[in-house]
Amino acid sequence: MKLKWKGIYKNEEQILTGELPENAVKFKEPNTPSELSSAVCIYIIPVIILVCIAALIKPAYGLNKIYLDAFDIWGILLAMLMIVPHEILHALVLPKDAEANIWFYPKGGMAFVHFTCPISKSRFIILSLLPSIIFGLIPLIVWIFIPMEFKKSSGVLLSFAFFGLLFGVGDYLNVFNAARQMPKGSYTQLYGFNSYWFLP
């Protein structure tokens, strides 16, 4: 996999690359970064529910303590440092000969990876979820088992996990669309800002 840093994303003309198969079907999904920002808000709710469940499972904790710990400034800063590694983890799932381009979109406060090689439905779902598993779910599980006497590190880890999961809301939309719209045995390919699926 060849990884390239492309810089600032300004418009879709920069990523209108590659050739789609004739039978490619466009996903029913947002068409611009601003539309995406609005559409993914609903996926914040499952993240909050998951973190609250973790707080209820954690011994001697409870929801009354979660507010301050989930917004620990050091955990937030650490999570923000993972924005580019988040995109690199996406790219690592691509085939060995694929080229992945990382873009930063300051207006939307996000980075994203763009590639034009076709990948299977299952690989696309794994690609979408991997960063949230590494930077969100696994730290959250570790946090559950950290003893209460390590209060400061516990807060940092919870905050890191919480924001690691929040930064994946756009990826959860991709997973939902792939699961709902892609038939068994189909492949997906990016063209511009949108995803397409097709049967080989």
C-alpha atoms as a PDB file:
ATOM      1  CA  MET A   1       0.000   0.000   0.000  1.00  0.00           C
ATOM      2  CA  LYS A   2       1.354   3.400  -1.020  1.00  0.00           C
ATOM      3  CA  LEU A   3       0.387   6.205   1.334  1.00  0.00           C
ATOM      4  CA  LYS A   4       0.546   9.860   0.261  1.00  0.00           C
ATOM      5  CA  TRP A   5      -0.178  13.059   2.177  1.00  0.00           C
ATOM      6  CA  LYS A   6      -2.100  15.281  -0.245  1.00  0.00           C
ATOM      7  CA  GLY A   7      -2.626  18.367   1.912  1.00  0.00           C
ATOM      8  CA  ILE A   8      -5.710  20.575   2.107  1.00  0.00           C
ATOM      9  CA  TYR A   9      -8.980  19.408   0.567  1.00  0.00           C
ATOM     10  CA  LYS A  10     -10.793  22.316  -1.129  1.00  0.00           C
ATOM     11  CA  ASN A  11     -13.230  20.776  -3.588  1.00  0.00           C
ATOM     12  CA  GLU A  12     -14.277  17.486  -5.145  1.00  0.00           C
ATOM     13  CA  GLU A  13     -12.321  18.120  -8.345  1.00  0.00           C
ATOM     14  CA  GLN A  14      -9.190  17.161  -6.413  1.00  0.00           C
ATOM     15  CA  ILE A  15     -10.452  13.599  -5.828  1.00  0.00           C
ATOM     16  CA  LEU A  16     -12.407  12.852  -9.014  1.00  0.00           C
ATOM     17  CA  THR A  17      -9.963  10.143  -9.998  1.00  0.00           C
ATOM     18  CA  GLY A  18     -10.119   6.560 -11.197  1.00  0.00           C
ATOM     19  CA  GLU A  19     -12.604   4.783 -13.433  1.00  0.00           C
ATOM     20  CA  LEU A  20     -15.836   3.221 -12.271  1.00  0.00           C
ATOM     21  CA  PRO A  21     -17.219  -0.018 -13.711  1.00  0.00           C
ATOM     22  CA  GLU A  22     -20.210   0.506 -15.997  1.00  0.00           C
ATOM     23  CA  ASN A  23     -22.517  -1.272 -13.558  1.00  0.00           C
ATOM     24  CA  ALA A  24     -21.445   0.805 -10.526  1.00  0.00           C
ATOM     25  CA  VAL A  25     -24.285   2.049  -8.311  1.00  0.00           C
ATOM     26  CA  LYS A  26     -23.833   5.171  -6.210  1.00  0.00           C
ATOM     27  CA  PHE A  27     -24.465   4.800  -2.487  1.00  0.00           C
ATOM     28  CA  LYS A  28     -27.423   6.670  -1.051  1.00  0.00           C
ATOM     29  CA  GLU A  29     -25.297   8.922   1.119  1.00  0.00           C
ATOM     30  CA  PRO A  30     -24.268  12.570   1.688  1.00  0.00           C
ATOM     31  CA  ASN A  31     -22.653  14.240  -1.330  1.00  0.00           C
ATOM     32  CA  THR A  32     -20.503  16.872   0.405  1.00  0.00           C
ATOM     33  CA  PRO A  33     -18.464  17.130   3.625  1.00  0.00           C
ATOM     34  CA  SER A  34     -21.014  19.568   5.078  1.00  0.00           C
ATOM     35  CA  GLU A  35     -23.885  17.147   4.356  1.00  0.00           C
ATOM     36  CA  LEU A  36     -21.822  14.373   5.937  1.00  0.00           C
ATOM     37  CA  SER A  37     -21.301  16.405   9.118  1.00  0.00           C
ATOM     38  CA  SER A  38     -25.067  16.724   9.533  1.00  0.00           C
ATOM     39  CA  ALA A  39     -25.849  13.102   8.652  1.00  0.00           C
ATOM     40  CA  VAL A  40     -23.436  11.534  11.143  1.00  0.00           C
ATOM     41  CA  CYS A  41     -24.750  13.352  14.223  1.00  0.00           C
ATOM     42  CA  ILE A  42     -27.148  10.499  14.972  1.00  0.00           C
ATOM     43  CA  TYR A  43     -24.205   8.121  15.399  1.00  0.00           C
ATOM     44  CA  ILE A  44     -23.062  10.115  18.435  1.00  0.00           C
ATOM     45  CA  ILE A  45     -25.972   8.571  20.380  1.00  0.00           C
ATOM     46  CA  PRO A  46     -24.724   4.937  20.234  1.00  0.00           C
ATOM     47  CA  VAL A  47     -21.253   6.127  21.278  1.00  0.00           C
ATOM     48  CA  ILE A  48     -22.681   7.851  24.362  1.00  0.00           C
ATOM     49  CA  ILE A  49     -24.779   4.788  25.201  1.00  0.00           C
ATOM     50  CA  LEU A  50     -21.741   2.490  24.855  1.00  0.00           C
ATOM     51  CA  VAL A  51     -19.627   4.678  27.163  1.00  0.00           C
ATOM     52  CA  CYS A  52     -22.456   4.854  29.715  1.00  0.00           C
ATOM     53  CA  ILE A  53     -22.765   1.046  29.664  1.00  0.00           C
ATOM     54  CA  ALA A  54     -19.003   0.803  30.261  1.00  0.00           C
ATOM     55  CA  ALA A  55     -19.354   3.177  33.233  1.00  0.00           C
ATOM     56  CA  LEU A  56     -22.099   1.000  34.713  1.00  0.00           C
ATOM     57  CA  ILE A  57     -19.956  -2.132  34.259  1.00  0.00           C
ATOM     58  CA  LYS A  58     -16.827  -0.596  35.797  1.00  0.00           C
ATOM     59  CA  PRO A  59     -16.533  -1.605  39.470  1.00  0.00           C
ATOM     60  CA  ALA A  60     -17.185   1.198  41.995  1.00  0.00           C
ATOM     61  CA  TYR A  61     -17.761   3.795  39.292  1.00  0.00           C
ATOM     62  CA  GLY A  62     -21.216   4.817  38.068  1.00  0.00           C
ATOM     63  CA  LEU A  63     -22.673   7.461  35.776  1.00  0.00           C
ATOM     64  CA  ASN A  64     -22.323  10.291  38.306  1.00  0.00           C
ATOM     65  CA  LYS A  65     -18.545  10.386  37.701  1.00  0.00           C
ATOM     66  CA  ILE A  66     -18.516  10.015  33.929  1.00  0.00           C
ATOM     67  CA  TYR A  67     -19.034  13.659  32.931  1.00  0.00           C
ATOM     68  CA  LEU A  68     -15.691  15.016  34.179  1.00  0.00           C
ATOM     69  CA  ASP A  69     -13.658  11.950  33.211  1.00  0.00           C
ATOM     70  CA  ALA A  70     -15.041  11.797  29.655  1.00  0.00           C
ATOM     71  CA  PHE A  71     -13.824  15.343  29.020  1.00  0.00           C
ATOM     72  CA  ASP A  72     -10.341  15.139  30.500  1.00  0.00           C
ATOM     73  CA  ILE A  73      -8.274  17.663  28.527  1.00  0.00           C
ATOM     74  CA  TRP A  74      -5.238  15.371  28.230  1.00  0.00           C
ATOM     75  CA  GLY A  75      -7.344  12.541  26.880  1.00  0.00           C
ATOM     76  CA  ILE A  76      -8.932  14.872  24.325  1.00  0.00           C
ATOM     77  CA  LEU A  77      -5.536  16.183  23.188  1.00  0.00           C
ATOM     78  CA  LEU A  78      -4.185  12.641  22.908  1.00  0.00           C
ATOM     79  CA  ALA A  79      -7.219  11.613  20.845  1.00  0.00           C
ATOM     80  CA  MET A  80      -6.713  14.596  18.526  1.00  0.00           C
ATOM     81  CA  LEU A  81      -3.126  13.487  17.933  1.00  0.00           C
ATOM     82  CA  MET A  82      -4.566  10.240  16.570  1.00  0.00           C
ATOM     83  CA  ILE A  83      -6.466  11.952  13.708  1.00  0.00           C
ATOM     84  CA  VAL A  84      -3.800  11.162  11.103  1.00  0.00           C
ATOM     85  CA  PRO A  85      -2.986   7.695  12.557  1.00  0.00           C
ATOM     86  CA  HIS A  86      -6.751   7.053  12.371  1.00  0.00           C
ATOM     87  CA  GLU A  87      -6.610   7.566   8.599  1.00  0.00           C
ATOM     88  CA  ILE A  88      -3.424   5.488   8.302  1.00  0.00           C
ATOM     89  CA  LEU A  89      -5.222   2.576   9.982  1.00  0.00           C
ATOM     90  CA  HIS A  90      -7.945   2.831   7.329  1.00  0.00           C
ATOM     91  CA  ALA A  91      -5.287   2.669   4.624  1.00  0.00           C
ATOM     92  CA  LEU A  92      -3.546  -0.373   6.155  1.00  0.00           C
ATOM     93  CA  VAL A  93      -6.561  -2.529   5.300  1.00  0.00           C
ATOM     94  CA  LEU A  94      -6.239  -1.784   1.565  1.00  0.00           C
ATOM     95  CA  PRO A  95      -4.616  -4.282  -0.828  1.00  0.00           C
ATOM     96  CA  LYS A  96      -0.801  -4.156  -1.031  1.00  0.00           C
ATOM     97  CA  ASP A  97      -0.752  -2.514  -4.467  1.00  0.00           C
ATOM     98  CA  ALA A  98      -3.323   0.178  -3.593  1.00  0.00           C
ATOM     99  CA  GLU A  99      -2.574   3.886  -3.368  1.00  0.00           C
ATOM    100  CA  ALA A 100      -4.145   5.804  -0.481  1.00  0.00           C
ATOM    101  CA  ASN A 101      -4.220   9.583  -0.253  1.00  0.00           C
ATOM    102  CA  ILE A 102      -4.740  11.401   3.040  1.00  0.00           C
ATOM    103  CA  TRP A 103      -6.486  14.778   2.887  1.00  0.00           C
ATOM    104  CA  PHE A 104      -7.186  17.349   5.578  1.00  0.00           C
ATOM    105  CA  TYR A 105     -10.386  19.384   5.451  1.00  0.00           C
ATOM    106  CA  PRO A 106      -9.953  22.316   7.907  1.00  0.00           C
ATOM    107  CA  LYS A 107     -13.415  23.759   7.272  1.00  0.00           C
ATOM    108  CA  GLY A 108     -15.023  20.522   8.435  1.00  0.00           C
ATOM    109  CA  GLY A 109     -12.390  19.845  11.096  1.00  0.00           C
ATOM    110  CA  MET A 110     -11.613  16.404   9.700  1.00  0.00           C
ATOM    111  CA  ALA A 111      -9.147  14.313   7.759  1.00  0.00           C
ATOM    112  CA  PHE A 112     -10.025  11.483   5.394  1.00  0.00           C
ATOM    113  CA  VAL A 113      -8.333   8.822   3.301  1.00  0.00           C
ATOM    114  CA  HIS A 114      -9.225   8.459  -0.372  1.00  0.00           C
ATOM    115  CA  PHE A 115      -8.478   5.509  -2.622  1.00  0.00           C
ATOM    116  CA  THR A 116      -9.763   4.272  -5.972  1.00  0.00           C
ATOM    117  CA  CYS A 117      -9.054   0.541  -5.858  1.00  0.00           C
ATOM    118  CA  PRO A 118     -12.128  -1.698  -5.551  1.00  0.00           C
ATOM    119  CA  ILE A 119     -12.461  -3.635  -2.282  1.00  0.00           C
ATOM    120  CA  SER A 120     -14.916  -6.228  -1.047  1.00  0.00           C
ATOM    121  CA  LYS A 121     -17.842  -5.436   1.207  1.00  0.00           C
ATOM    122  CA  SER A 122     -16.262  -7.189   4.198  1.00  0.00           C
ATOM    123  CA  ARG A 123     -12.907  -5.428   3.699  1.00  0.00           C
ATOM    124  CA  PHE A 124     -14.694  -2.071   3.451  1.00  0.00           C
ATOM    125  CA  ILE A 125     -16.501  -2.696   6.741  1.00  0.00           C
ATOM    126  CA  ILE A 126     -13.260  -3.754   8.474  1.00  0.00           C
ATOM    127  CA  LEU A 127     -11.465  -0.738   6.965  1.00  0.00           C
ATOM    128  CA  SER A 128     -14.182   1.558   8.304  1.00  0.00           C
ATOM    129  CA  LEU A 129     -14.224   0.131  11.848  1.00  0.00           C
ATOM    130  CA  LEU A 130     -10.532  -0.575  12.520  1.00  0.00           C
ATOM    131  CA  PRO A 131      -9.507   2.903  13.846  1.00  0.00           C
ATOM    132  CA  SER A 132     -12.491   3.037  16.210  1.00  0.00           C
ATOM    133  CA  ILE A 133     -11.655  -0.429  17.510  1.00  0.00           C
ATOM    134  CA  ILE A 134      -7.979   0.459  18.086  1.00  0.00           C
ATOM    135  CA  PHE A 135      -8.415   3.999  19.437  1.00  0.00           C
ATOM    136  CA  GLY A 136     -11.881   3.680  20.970  1.00  0.00           C
ATOM    137  CA  LEU A 137     -13.255   0.259  21.831  1.00  0.00           C
ATOM    138  CA  ILE A 138     -10.042  -1.379  23.086  1.00  0.00           C
ATOM    139  CA  PRO A 139      -9.083   1.604  25.329  1.00  0.00           C
ATOM    140  CA  LEU A 140     -12.661   1.643  26.666  1.00  0.00           C
ATOM    141  CA  ILE A 141     -12.452  -2.044  27.592  1.00  0.00           C
ATOM    142  CA  VAL A 142      -9.055  -1.466  29.254  1.00  0.00           C
ATOM    143  CA  TRP A 143     -10.546   1.504  31.152  1.00  0.00           C
ATOM    144  CA  ILE A 144     -13.263  -0.720  32.645  1.00  0.00           C
ATOM    145  CA  PHE A 145     -10.609  -2.817  34.393  1.00  0.00           C
ATOM    146  CA  ILE A 146      -8.305  -0.003  35.602  1.00  0.00           C
ATOM    147  CA  PRO A 147      -8.497   0.157  39.435  1.00  0.00           C
ATOM    148  CA  MET A 148     -10.099   3.298  40.883  1.00  0.00           C
ATOM    149  CA  GLU A 149      -6.885   4.292  42.686  1.00  0.00           C
ATOM    150  CA  PHE A 150      -5.403   5.244  39.291  1.00  0.00           C
ATOM    151  CA  LYS A 151      -7.927   8.070  39.007  1.00  0.00           C
ATOM    152  CA  LYS A 152      -5.936  10.444  36.784  1.00  0.00           C
ATOM    153  CA  SER A 153      -4.849   7.867  34.221  1.00  0.00           C
ATOM    154  CA  SER A 154      -8.384   6.462  34.306  1.00  0.00           C
ATOM    155  CA  GLY A 155      -9.841   9.826  33.264  1.00  0.00           C
ATOM    156  CA  VAL A 156      -7.302  10.290  30.484  1.00  0.00           C
ATOM    157  CA  LEU A 157      -8.031   6.831  29.109  1.00  0.00           C
ATOM    158  CA  LEU A 158     -11.819   7.241  29.251  1.00  0.00           C
ATOM    159  CA  SER A 159     -11.629  10.580  27.477  1.00  0.00           C
ATOM    160  CA  PHE A 160      -9.253   9.167  24.863  1.00  0.00           C
ATOM    161  CA  ALA A 161     -11.585   6.209  24.254  1.00  0.00           C
ATOM    162  CA  PHE A 162     -14.699   8.404  24.133  1.00  0.00           C
ATOM    163  CA  PHE A 163     -13.255  10.762  21.531  1.00  0.00           C
ATOM    164  CA  GLY A 164     -11.618   7.888  19.674  1.00  0.00           C
ATOM    165  CA  LEU A 165     -15.112   6.496  19.207  1.00  0.00           C
ATOM    166  CA  LEU A 166     -16.611   9.902  18.370  1.00  0.00           C
ATOM    167  CA  PHE A 167     -14.051  10.521  15.627  1.00  0.00           C
ATOM    168  CA  GLY A 168     -15.394   7.420  13.874  1.00  0.00           C
ATOM    169  CA  VAL A 169     -18.992   8.616  13.391  1.00  0.00           C
ATOM    170  CA  GLY A 170     -18.476   9.104   9.648  1.00  0.00           C
ATOM    171  CA  ASP A 171     -17.110   5.565   9.432  1.00  0.00           C
ATOM    172  CA  TYR A 172     -20.203   4.167  11.160  1.00  0.00           C
ATOM    173  CA  LEU A 173     -22.329   5.714   8.415  1.00  0.00           C
ATOM    174  CA  ASN A 174     -20.170   3.901   5.835  1.00  0.00           C
ATOM    175  CA  VAL A 175     -20.681   0.611   7.670  1.00  0.00           C
ATOM    176  CA  PHE A 176     -24.444   1.170   7.862  1.00  0.00           C
ATOM    177  CA  ASN A 177     -24.621   2.003   4.143  1.00  0.00           C
ATOM    178  CA  ALA A 178     -22.462  -0.965   3.157  1.00  0.00           C
ATOM    179  CA  ALA A 179     -24.475  -3.395   5.275  1.00  0.00           C
ATOM    180  CA  ARG A 180     -27.792  -2.038   4.001  1.00  0.00           C
ATOM    181  CA  GLN A 181     -27.037  -1.305   0.335  1.00  0.00           C
ATOM    182  CA  MET A 182     -24.303  -3.672  -0.872  1.00  0.00           C
ATOM    183  CA  PRO A 183     -25.412  -7.138  -2.046  1.00  0.00           C
ATOM    184  CA  LYS A 184     -23.467 -10.216  -1.036  1.00  0.00           C
ATOM    185  CA  GLY A 185     -20.325 -10.623  -3.145  1.00  0.00           C
ATOM    186  CA  SER A 186     -20.265  -6.971  -4.224  1.00  0.00           C
ATOM    187  CA  TYR A 187     -17.317  -4.574  -4.214  1.00  0.00           C
ATOM    188  CA  THR A 188     -17.099  -0.905  -3.402  1.00  0.00           C
ATOM    189  CA  GLN A 189     -15.036   1.840  -5.021  1.00  0.00           C
ATOM    190  CA  LEU A 190     -14.633   5.540  -4.326  1.00  0.00           C
ATOM    191  CA  TYR A 191     -15.077   8.189  -6.961  1.00  0.00           C
ATOM    192  CA  GLY A 192     -14.917  11.768  -5.818  1.00  0.00           C
ATOM    193  CA  PHE A 193     -16.583  12.198  -2.456  1.00  0.00           C
ATOM    194  CA  ASN A 194     -18.943   9.261  -2.951  1.00  0.00           C
ATOM    195  CA  SER A 195     -18.820   5.483  -2.697  1.00  0.00           C
ATOM    196  CA  TYR A 196     -20.170   3.132  -5.348  1.00  0.00           C
ATOM    197  CA  TRP A 197     -20.870  -0.582  -5.284  1.00  0.00           C
ATOM    198  CA  PHE A 198     -20.855  -3.114  -8.084  1.00  0.00           C
ATOM    199  CA  LEU A 199     -21.002  -6.841  -8.676  1.00  0.00           C
ATOM    200  CA  PRO A 200     -17.867  -8.228 -10.378  1.00  0.00           C
END
